[in-house]
Amino acid sequence: FLGRTDRQVKVRGFRVEPGEVEAA
């Protein structure tokens, strides 16, 4: 594994798209 091609991150095992938080 080398990283992501997009902004998706993992937080305590959960997939998080920062864009969803930004929209909120």
mmCIF file of all heavy atoms, coordinates in Angstrom:
data_MODEL
# 
_entry.id   MODEL 
# 
loop_
_atom_site.group_PDB 
_atom_site.id 
_atom_site.type_symbol 
_atom_site.label_atom_id 
_atom_site.label_alt_id 
_atom_site.label_comp_id 
_atom_site.label_asym_id 
_atom_site.label_entity_id 
_atom_site.label_seq_id 
_atom_site.pdbx_PDB_ins_code 
_atom_site.Cartn_x 
_atom_site.Cartn_y 
_atom_site.Cartn_z 
_atom_site.occupancy 
_atom_site.B_iso_or_equiv 
_atom_site.pdbx_formal_charge 
_atom_site.auth_seq_id 
_atom_site.auth_comp_id 
_atom_site.auth_asym_id 
_atom_site.auth_atom_id 
_atom_site.pdbx_PDB_model_num 
ATOM 1   N N   . PHE A 1 1  ? 0.834   -1.199 0.000  1.00 0.00 ? 1  PHE A N   1 
ATOM 2   C CA  . PHE A 1 1  ? 0.000   0.000  0.000  1.00 0.00 ? 1  PHE A CA  1 
ATOM 3   C C   . PHE A 1 1  ? 0.871   1.253  0.000  1.00 0.00 ? 1  PHE A C   1 
ATOM 4   O O   . PHE A 1 1  ? 1.802   1.385  0.788  1.00 0.00 ? 1  PHE A O   1 
ATOM 5   C CB  . PHE A 1 1  ? -0.905  -0.011 1.232  1.00 0.00 ? 1  PHE A CB  1 
ATOM 6   C CG  . PHE A 1 1  ? -1.810  1.186  1.351  1.00 0.00 ? 1  PHE A CG  1 
ATOM 7   C CD1 . PHE A 1 1  ? -2.837  1.389  0.451  1.00 0.00 ? 1  PHE A CD1 1 
ATOM 8   C CD2 . PHE A 1 1  ? -1.637  2.102  2.374  1.00 0.00 ? 1  PHE A CD2 1 
ATOM 9   C CE1 . PHE A 1 1  ? -3.683  2.480  0.562  1.00 0.00 ? 1  PHE A CE1 1 
ATOM 10  C CE2 . PHE A 1 1  ? -2.477  3.197  2.503  1.00 0.00 ? 1  PHE A CE2 1 
ATOM 11  C CZ  . PHE A 1 1  ? -3.504  3.389  1.587  1.00 0.00 ? 1  PHE A CZ  1 
ATOM 12  N N   . LEU A 1 2  ? 0.525   2.218  -0.876 1.00 0.00 ? 2  LEU A N   1 
ATOM 13  C CA  . LEU A 1 2  ? 1.304   3.454  -1.002 1.00 0.00 ? 2  LEU A CA  1 
ATOM 14  C C   . LEU A 1 2  ? 0.502   4.711  -0.695 1.00 0.00 ? 2  LEU A C   1 
ATOM 15  O O   . LEU A 1 2  ? 1.067   5.804  -0.669 1.00 0.00 ? 2  LEU A O   1 
ATOM 16  C CB  . LEU A 1 2  ? 1.881   3.568  -2.419 1.00 0.00 ? 2  LEU A CB  1 
ATOM 17  C CG  . LEU A 1 2  ? 2.819   2.441  -2.865 1.00 0.00 ? 2  LEU A CG  1 
ATOM 18  C CD1 . LEU A 1 2  ? 3.231   2.645  -4.313 1.00 0.00 ? 2  LEU A CD1 1 
ATOM 19  C CD2 . LEU A 1 2  ? 4.044   2.349  -1.961 1.00 0.00 ? 2  LEU A CD2 1 
ATOM 20  N N   . GLY A 1 3  ? -0.800  4.584  -0.468 1.00 0.00 ? 3  GLY A N   1 
ATOM 21  C CA  . GLY A 1 3  ? -1.609  5.771  -0.191 1.00 0.00 ? 3  GLY A CA  1 
ATOM 22  C C   . GLY A 1 3  ? -2.858  5.777  -1.051 1.00 0.00 ? 3  GLY A C   1 
ATOM 23  O O   . GLY A 1 3  ? -3.292  4.753  -1.566 1.00 0.00 ? 3  GLY A O   1 
ATOM 24  N N   . ARG A 1 4  ? -3.454  6.966  -1.191 1.00 0.00 ? 4  ARG A N   1 
ATOM 25  C CA  . ARG A 1 4  ? -4.694  7.115  -1.930 1.00 0.00 ? 4  ARG A CA  1 
ATOM 26  C C   . ARG A 1 4  ? -4.487  7.977  -3.167 1.00 0.00 ? 4  ARG A C   1 
ATOM 27  O O   . ARG A 1 4  ? -3.615  8.849  -3.199 1.00 0.00 ? 4  ARG A O   1 
ATOM 28  C CB  . ARG A 1 4  ? -5.753  7.784  -1.042 1.00 0.00 ? 4  ARG A CB  1 
ATOM 29  C CG  . ARG A 1 4  ? -6.252  6.946  0.108  1.00 0.00 ? 4  ARG A CG  1 
ATOM 30  C CD  . ARG A 1 4  ? -7.182  5.860  -0.337 1.00 0.00 ? 4  ARG A CD  1 
ATOM 31  N NE  . ARG A 1 4  ? -8.355  6.371  -1.057 1.00 0.00 ? 4  ARG A NE  1 
ATOM 32  C CZ  . ARG A 1 4  ? -9.254  5.576  -1.654 1.00 0.00 ? 4  ARG A CZ  1 
ATOM 33  N NH1 . ARG A 1 4  ? -9.120  4.268  -1.633 1.00 0.00 ? 4  ARG A NH1 1 
ATOM 34  N NH2 . ARG A 1 4  ? -10.294 6.110  -2.281 1.00 0.00 ? 4  ARG A NH2 1 
ATOM 35  N N   . THR A 1 5  ? -5.324  7.740  -4.175 1.00 0.00 ? 5  THR A N   1 
ATOM 36  C CA  . THR A 1 5  ? -5.322  8.606  -5.351 1.00 0.00 ? 5  THR A CA  1 
ATOM 37  C C   . THR A 1 5  ? -6.295  9.765  -5.168 1.00 0.00 ? 5  THR A C   1 
ATOM 38  O O   . THR A 1 5  ? -6.302  10.699 -5.958 1.00 0.00 ? 5  THR A O   1 
ATOM 39  C CB  . THR A 1 5  ? -5.740  7.820  -6.602 1.00 0.00 ? 5  THR A CB  1 
ATOM 40  O OG1 . THR A 1 5  ? -7.077  7.329  -6.429 1.00 0.00 ? 5  THR A OG1 1 
ATOM 41  C CG2 . THR A 1 5  ? -4.802  6.643  -6.835 1.00 0.00 ? 5  THR A CG2 1 
ATOM 42  N N   . ASP A 1 6  ? -7.132  9.695  -4.119 1.00 0.00 ? 6  ASP A N   1 
ATOM 43  C CA  . ASP A 1 6  ? -8.104  10.762 -3.850 1.00 0.00 ? 6  ASP A CA  1 
ATOM 44  C C   . ASP A 1 6  ? -7.955  11.207 -2.404 1.00 0.00 ? 6  ASP A C   1 
ATOM 45  O O   . ASP A 1 6  ? -6.939  10.933 -1.765 1.00 0.00 ? 6  ASP A O   1 
ATOM 46  C CB  . ASP A 1 6  ? -9.532  10.282 -4.153 1.00 0.00 ? 6  ASP A CB  1 
ATOM 47  C CG  . ASP A 1 6  ? -9.891  9.018  -3.354 1.00 0.00 ? 6  ASP A CG  1 
ATOM 48  O OD1 . ASP A 1 6  ? -9.195  8.722  -2.359 1.00 0.00 ? 6  ASP A OD1 1 
ATOM 49  O OD2 . ASP A 1 6  ? -10.869 8.346  -3.717 1.00 0.00 ? 6  ASP A OD2 1 
ATOM 50  N N   . ARG A 1 7  ? -8.965  11.860 -1.852 1.00 0.00 ? 7  ARG A N   1 
ATOM 51  C CA  . ARG A 1 7  ? -8.874  12.436 -0.504 1.00 0.00 ? 7  ARG A CA  1 
ATOM 52  C C   . ARG A 1 7  ? -9.437  11.523 0.577  1.00 0.00 ? 7  ARG A C   1 
ATOM 53  O O   . ARG A 1 7  ? -9.468  11.903 1.747  1.00 0.00 ? 7  ARG A O   1 
ATOM 54  C CB  . ARG A 1 7  ? -9.601  13.771 -0.467 1.00 0.00 ? 7  ARG A CB  1 
ATOM 55  C CG  . ARG A 1 7  ? -9.010  14.843 -1.385 1.00 0.00 ? 7  ARG A CG  1 
ATOM 56  C CD  . ARG A 1 7  ? -9.775  16.142 -1.218 1.00 0.00 ? 7  ARG A CD  1 
ATOM 57  N NE  . ARG A 1 7  ? -9.728  16.609 0.152  1.00 0.00 ? 7  ARG A NE  1 
ATOM 58  C CZ  . ARG A 1 7  ? -10.704 17.270 0.748  1.00 0.00 ? 7  ARG A CZ  1 
ATOM 59  N NH1 . ARG A 1 7  ? -11.834 17.511 0.101  1.00 0.00 ? 7  ARG A NH1 1 
ATOM 60  N NH2 . ARG A 1 7  ? -10.588 17.674 2.002  1.00 0.00 ? 7  ARG A NH2 1 
ATOM 61  N N   . GLN A 1 8  ? -9.914  10.357 0.213  1.00 0.00 ? 8  GLN A N   1 
ATOM 62  C CA  . GLN A 1 8  ? -10.527 9.483  1.216  1.00 0.00 ? 8  GLN A CA  1 
ATOM 63  C C   . GLN A 1 8  ? -9.521  9.146  2.323  1.00 0.00 ? 8  GLN A C   1 
ATOM 64  O O   . GLN A 1 8  ? -8.339  8.926  2.062  1.00 0.00 ? 8  GLN A O   1 
ATOM 65  C CB  . GLN A 1 8  ? -11.007 8.194  0.553  1.00 0.00 ? 8  GLN A CB  1 
ATOM 66  C CG  . GLN A 1 8  ? -11.765 7.275  1.493  1.00 0.00 ? 8  GLN A CG  1 
ATOM 67  C CD  . GLN A 1 8  ? -12.061 5.949  0.821  1.00 0.00 ? 8  GLN A CD  1 
ATOM 68  O OE1 . GLN A 1 8  ? -11.451 4.935  1.115  1.00 0.00 ? 8  GLN A OE1 1 
ATOM 69  N NE2 . GLN A 1 8  ? -13.005 5.971  -0.114 1.00 0.00 ? 8  GLN A NE2 1 
ATOM 70  N N   . VAL A 1 9  ? -10.011 9.119  3.570  1.00 0.00 ? 9  VAL A N   1 
ATOM 71  C CA  . VAL A 1 9  ? -9.158  8.815  4.714  1.00 0.00 ? 9  VAL A CA  1 
ATOM 72  C C   . VAL A 1 9  ? -9.836  7.742  5.561  1.00 0.00 ? 9  VAL A C   1 
ATOM 73  O O   . VAL A 1 9  ? -11.015 7.431  5.384  1.00 0.00 ? 9  VAL A O   1 
ATOM 74  C CB  . VAL A 1 9  ? -8.877  10.065 5.575  1.00 0.00 ? 9  VAL A CB  1 
ATOM 75  C CG1 . VAL A 1 9  ? -8.118  11.111 4.778  1.00 0.00 ? 9  VAL A CG1 1 
ATOM 76  C CG2 . VAL A 1 9  ? -10.178 10.656 6.135  1.00 0.00 ? 9  VAL A CG2 1 
ATOM 77  N N   . LYS A 1 10 ? -9.086  7.178  6.486  1.00 0.00 ? 10 LYS A N   1 
ATOM 78  C CA  . LYS A 1 10 ? -9.620  6.209  7.434  1.00 0.00 ? 10 LYS A CA  1 
ATOM 79  C C   . LYS A 1 10 ? -9.444  6.782  8.838  1.00 0.00 ? 10 LYS A C   1 
ATOM 80  O O   . LYS A 1 10 ? -8.361  7.241  9.201  1.00 0.00 ? 10 LYS A O   1 
ATOM 81  C CB  . LYS A 1 10 ? -8.887  4.876  7.333  1.00 0.00 ? 10 LYS A CB  1 
ATOM 82  C CG  . LYS A 1 10 ? -9.255  4.028  6.115  1.00 0.00 ? 10 LYS A CG  1 
ATOM 83  C CD  . LYS A 1 10 ? -10.635 3.440  6.280  1.00 0.00 ? 10 LYS A CD  1 
ATOM 84  C CE  . LYS A 1 10 ? -10.981 2.489  5.153  1.00 0.00 ? 10 LYS A CE  1 
ATOM 85  N NZ  . LYS A 1 10 ? -10.373 1.162  5.311  1.00 0.00 ? 10 LYS A NZ  1 
ATOM 86  N N   . VAL A 1 11 ? -10.516 6.731  9.623  1.00 0.00 ? 11 VAL A N   1 
ATOM 87  C CA  . VAL A 1 11 ? -10.502 7.195  11.009 1.00 0.00 ? 11 VAL A CA  1 
ATOM 88  C C   . VAL A 1 11 ? -11.042 6.073  11.876 1.00 0.00 ? 11 VAL A C   1 
ATOM 89  O O   . VAL A 1 11 ? -12.223 5.721  11.781 1.00 0.00 ? 11 VAL A O   1 
ATOM 90  C CB  . VAL A 1 11 ? -11.360 8.473  11.190 1.00 0.00 ? 11 VAL A CB  1 
ATOM 91  C CG1 . VAL A 1 11 ? -11.371 8.904  12.652 1.00 0.00 ? 11 VAL A CG1 1 
ATOM 92  C CG2 . VAL A 1 11 ? -10.824 9.599  10.321 1.00 0.00 ? 11 VAL A CG2 1 
ATOM 93  N N   . ARG A 1 12 ? -10.161 5.477  12.686 1.00 0.00 ? 12 ARG A N   1 
ATOM 94  C CA  . ARG A 1 12 ? -10.530 4.359  13.562 1.00 0.00 ? 12 ARG A CA  1 
ATOM 95  C C   . ARG A 1 12 ? -11.241 3.257  12.799 1.00 0.00 ? 12 ARG A C   1 
ATOM 96  O O   . ARG A 1 12 ? -12.185 2.629  13.289 1.00 0.00 ? 12 ARG A O   1 
ATOM 97  C CB  . ARG A 1 12 ? -11.370 4.850  14.740 1.00 0.00 ? 12 ARG A CB  1 
ATOM 98  C CG  . ARG A 1 12 ? -10.690 5.952  15.536 1.00 0.00 ? 12 ARG A CG  1 
ATOM 99  C CD  . ARG A 1 12 ? -11.334 6.186  16.877 1.00 0.00 ? 12 ARG A CD  1 
ATOM 100 N NE  . ARG A 1 12 ? -12.710 6.605  16.835 1.00 0.00 ? 12 ARG A NE  1 
ATOM 101 C CZ  . ARG A 1 12 ? -13.125 7.829  16.555 1.00 0.00 ? 12 ARG A CZ  1 
ATOM 102 N NH1 . ARG A 1 12 ? -12.242 8.780  16.257 1.00 0.00 ? 12 ARG A NH1 1 
ATOM 103 N NH2 . ARG A 1 12 ? -14.406 8.139  16.570 1.00 0.00 ? 12 ARG A NH2 1 
ATOM 104 N N   . GLY A 1 13 ? -10.770 2.998  11.559 1.00 0.00 ? 13 GLY A N   1 
ATOM 105 C CA  . GLY A 1 13 ? -11.318 1.917  10.758 1.00 0.00 ? 13 GLY A CA  1 
ATOM 106 C C   . GLY A 1 13 ? -12.486 2.306  9.881  1.00 0.00 ? 13 GLY A C   1 
ATOM 107 O O   . GLY A 1 13 ? -12.924 1.513  9.048  1.00 0.00 ? 13 GLY A O   1 
ATOM 108 N N   . PHE A 1 14 ? -13.009 3.519  10.021 1.00 0.00 ? 14 PHE A N   1 
ATOM 109 C CA  . PHE A 1 14 ? -14.147 3.971  9.221  1.00 0.00 ? 14 PHE A CA  1 
ATOM 110 C C   . PHE A 1 14 ? -13.660 4.779  8.031  1.00 0.00 ? 14 PHE A C   1 
ATOM 111 O O   . PHE A 1 14 ? -12.796 5.641  8.158  1.00 0.00 ? 14 PHE A O   1 
ATOM 112 C CB  . PHE A 1 14 ? -15.089 4.843  10.057 1.00 0.00 ? 14 PHE A CB  1 
ATOM 113 C CG  . PHE A 1 14 ? -15.783 4.107  11.171 1.00 0.00 ? 14 PHE A CG  1 
ATOM 114 C CD1 . PHE A 1 14 ? -15.280 4.133  12.453 1.00 0.00 ? 14 PHE A CD1 1 
ATOM 115 C CD2 . PHE A 1 14 ? -16.946 3.395  10.927 1.00 0.00 ? 14 PHE A CD2 1 
ATOM 116 C CE1 . PHE A 1 14 ? -15.913 3.464  13.488 1.00 0.00 ? 14 PHE A CE1 1 
ATOM 117 C CE2 . PHE A 1 14 ? -17.595 2.729  11.953 1.00 0.00 ? 14 PHE A CE2 1 
ATOM 118 C CZ  . PHE A 1 14 ? -17.074 2.758  13.239 1.00 0.00 ? 14 PHE A CZ  1 
ATOM 119 N N   . ARG A 1 15 ? -14.244 4.495  6.864  1.00 0.00 ? 15 ARG A N   1 
ATOM 120 C CA  . ARG A 1 15 ? -13.963 5.299  5.686  1.00 0.00 ? 15 ARG A CA  1 
ATOM 121 C C   . ARG A 1 15 ? -14.640 6.648  5.818  1.00 0.00 ? 15 ARG A C   1 
ATOM 122 O O   . ARG A 1 15 ? -15.815 6.728  6.150  1.00 0.00 ? 15 ARG A O   1 
ATOM 123 C CB  . ARG A 1 15 ? -14.509 4.588  4.444  1.00 0.00 ? 15 ARG A CB  1 
ATOM 124 C CG  . ARG A 1 15 ? -13.438 3.939  3.612  1.00 0.00 ? 15 ARG A CG  1 
ATOM 125 C CD  . ARG A 1 15 ? -14.019 2.980  2.619  1.00 0.00 ? 15 ARG A CD  1 
ATOM 126 N NE  . ARG A 1 15 ? -14.934 3.573  1.670  1.00 0.00 ? 15 ARG A NE  1 
ATOM 127 C CZ  . ARG A 1 15 ? -15.447 2.877  0.648  1.00 0.00 ? 15 ARG A CZ  1 
ATOM 128 N NH1 . ARG A 1 15 ? -15.129 1.623  0.472  1.00 0.00 ? 15 ARG A NH1 1 
ATOM 129 N NH2 . ARG A 1 15 ? -16.284 3.449  -0.178 1.00 0.00 ? 15 ARG A NH2 1 
ATOM 130 N N   . VAL A 1 16 ? -13.887 7.710  5.564  1.00 0.00 ? 16 VAL A N   1 
ATOM 131 C CA  . VAL A 1 16 ? -14.447 9.061  5.616  1.00 0.00 ? 16 VAL A CA  1 
ATOM 132 C C   . VAL A 1 16 ? -14.039 9.812  4.361  1.00 0.00 ? 16 VAL A C   1 
ATOM 133 O O   . VAL A 1 16 ? -12.851 9.865  4.017  1.00 0.00 ? 16 VAL A O   1 
ATOM 134 C CB  . VAL A 1 16 ? -13.960 9.831  6.864  1.00 0.00 ? 16 VAL A CB  1 
ATOM 135 C CG1 . VAL A 1 16 ? -14.471 11.268 6.830  1.00 0.00 ? 16 VAL A CG1 1 
ATOM 136 C CG2 . VAL A 1 16 ? -14.421 9.141  8.142  1.00 0.00 ? 16 VAL A CG2 1 
ATOM 137 N N   . GLU A 1 17 ? -15.017 10.355 3.671  1.00 0.00 ? 17 GLU A N   1 
ATOM 138 C CA  . GLU A 1 17 ? -14.761 11.279 2.567  1.00 0.00 ? 17 GLU A CA  1 
ATOM 139 C C   . GLU A 1 17 ? -14.832 12.687 3.148  1.00 0.00 ? 17 GLU A C   1 
ATOM 140 O O   . GLU A 1 17 ? -15.900 13.143 3.564  1.00 0.00 ? 17 GLU A O   1 
ATOM 141 C CB  . GLU A 1 17 ? -15.803 11.108 1.462  1.00 0.00 ? 17 GLU A CB  1 
ATOM 142 C CG  . GLU A 1 17 ? -15.725 9.794  0.718  1.00 0.00 ? 17 GLU A CG  1 
ATOM 143 C CD  . GLU A 1 17 ? -14.652 9.792  -0.345 1.00 0.00 ? 17 GLU A CD  1 
ATOM 144 O OE1 . GLU A 1 17 ? -13.924 10.810 -0.448 1.00 0.00 ? 17 GLU A OE1 1 
ATOM 145 O OE2 . GLU A 1 17 ? -14.538 8.791  -1.074 1.00 0.00 ? 17 GLU A OE2 1 
ATOM 146 N N   . PRO A 1 18 ? -13.698 13.402 3.227  1.00 0.00 ? 18 PRO A N   1 
ATOM 147 C CA  . PRO A 1 18 ? -13.737 14.752 3.796  1.00 0.00 ? 18 PRO A CA  1 
ATOM 148 C C   . PRO A 1 18 ? -14.773 15.658 3.147  1.00 0.00 ? 18 PRO A C   1 
ATOM 149 O O   . PRO A 1 18 ? -15.319 16.548 3.794  1.00 0.00 ? 18 PRO A O   1 
ATOM 150 C CB  . PRO A 1 18 ? -12.311 15.264 3.575  1.00 0.00 ? 18 PRO A CB  1 
ATOM 151 C CG  . PRO A 1 18 ? -11.463 14.024 3.560  1.00 0.00 ? 18 PRO A CG  1 
ATOM 152 C CD  . PRO A 1 18 ? -12.323 12.995 2.876  1.00 0.00 ? 18 PRO A CD  1 
ATOM 153 N N   . GLY A 1 19 ? -15.079 15.406 1.878  1.00 0.00 ? 19 GLY A N   1 
ATOM 154 C CA  . GLY A 1 19 ? -16.058 16.243 1.189  1.00 0.00 ? 19 GLY A CA  1 
ATOM 155 C C   . GLY A 1 19 ? -17.430 16.213 1.841  1.00 0.00 ? 19 GLY A C   1 
ATOM 156 O O   . GLY A 1 19 ? -18.166 17.212 1.816  1.00 0.00 ? 19 GLY A O   1 
ATOM 157 N N   . GLU A 1 20 ? -17.797 15.064 2.439  1.00 0.00 ? 20 GLU A N   1 
ATOM 158 C CA  . GLU A 1 20 ? -19.103 14.984 3.096  1.00 0.00 ? 20 GLU A CA  1 
ATOM 159 C C   . GLU A 1 20 ? -19.131 15.868 4.343  1.00 0.00 ? 20 GLU A C   1 
ATOM 160 O O   . GLU A 1 20 ? -20.125 16.535 4.634  1.00 0.00 ? 20 GLU A O   1 
ATOM 161 C CB  . GLU A 1 20 ? -19.422 13.536 3.463  1.00 0.00 ? 20 GLU A CB  1 
ATOM 162 C CG  . GLU A 1 20 ? -20.819 13.359 4.018  1.00 0.00 ? 20 GLU A CG  1 
ATOM 163 C CD  . GLU A 1 20 ? -21.206 11.910 4.214  1.00 0.00 ? 20 GLU A CD  1 
ATOM 164 O OE1 . GLU A 1 20 ? -20.472 11.023 3.741  1.00 0.00 ? 20 GLU A OE1 1 
ATOM 165 O OE2 . GLU A 1 20 ? -22.252 11.671 4.850  1.00 0.00 ? 20 GLU A OE2 1 
ATOM 166 N N   . VAL A 1 21 ? -18.022 15.879 5.091  1.00 0.00 ? 21 VAL A N   1 
ATOM 167 C CA  . VAL A 1 21 ? -17.942 16.723 6.279  1.00 0.00 ? 21 VAL A CA  1 
ATOM 168 C C   . VAL A 1 21 ? -17.900 18.192 5.866  1.00 0.00 ? 21 VAL A C   1 
ATOM 169 O O   . VAL A 1 21 ? -18.536 19.048 6.494  1.00 0.00 ? 21 VAL A O   1 
ATOM 170 C CB  . VAL A 1 21 ? -16.713 16.360 7.130  1.00 0.00 ? 21 VAL A CB  1 
ATOM 171 C CG1 . VAL A 1 21 ? -16.722 17.123 8.450  1.00 0.00 ? 21 VAL A CG1 1 
ATOM 172 C CG2 . VAL A 1 21 ? -16.661 14.856 7.403  1.00 0.00 ? 21 VAL A CG2 1 
ATOM 173 N N   . GLU A 1 22 ? -17.148 18.483 4.808  1.00 0.00 ? 22 GLU A N   1 
ATOM 174 C CA  . GLU A 1 22 ? -17.080 19.866 4.319  1.00 0.00 ? 22 GLU A CA  1 
ATOM 175 C C   . GLU A 1 22 ? -18.453 20.372 3.885  1.00 0.00 ? 22 GLU A C   1 
ATOM 176 O O   . GLU A 1 22 ? -18.825 21.526 4.157  1.00 0.00 ? 22 GLU A O   1 
ATOM 177 C CB  . GLU A 1 22 ? -16.081 19.939 3.160  1.00 0.00 ? 22 GLU A CB  1 
ATOM 178 C CG  . GLU A 1 22 ? -14.642 19.715 3.596  1.00 0.00 ? 22 GLU A CG  1 
ATOM 179 C CD  . GLU A 1 22 ? -13.713 19.471 2.426  1.00 0.00 ? 22 GLU A CD  1 
ATOM 180 O OE1 . GLU A 1 22 ? -14.174 19.439 1.274  1.00 0.00 ? 22 GLU A OE1 1 
ATOM 181 O OE2 . GLU A 1 22 ? -12.499 19.295 2.674  1.00 0.00 ? 22 GLU A OE2 1 
ATOM 182 N N   . ALA A 1 23 ? -19.225 19.505 3.225  1.00 0.00 ? 23 ALA A N   1 
ATOM 183 C CA  . ALA A 1 23 ? -20.568 19.913 2.791  1.00 0.00 ? 23 ALA A CA  1 
ATOM 184 C C   . ALA A 1 23 ? -21.461 20.225 3.994  1.00 0.00 ? 23 ALA A C   1 
ATOM 185 O O   . ALA A 1 23 ? -22.249 21.184 3.969  1.00 0.00 ? 23 ALA A O   1 
ATOM 186 C CB  . ALA A 1 23 ? -21.196 18.803 1.944  1.00 0.00 ? 23 ALA A CB  1 
ATOM 187 N N   . ALA A 1 24 ? -21.336 19.425 5.053  1.00 0.00 ? 24 ALA A N   1 
ATOM 188 C CA  . ALA A 1 24 ? -22.129 19.682 6.260  1.00 0.00 ? 24 ALA A CA  1 
ATOM 189 C C   . ALA A 1 24 ? -21.715 20.998 6.915  1.00 0.00 ? 24 ALA A C   1 
ATOM 190 O O   . ALA A 1 24 ? -22.561 21.732 7.441  1.00 0.00 ? 24 ALA A O   1 
ATOM 191 C CB  . ALA A 1 24 ? -21.970 18.528 7.237  1.00 0.00 ? 24 ALA A CB  1 
# 
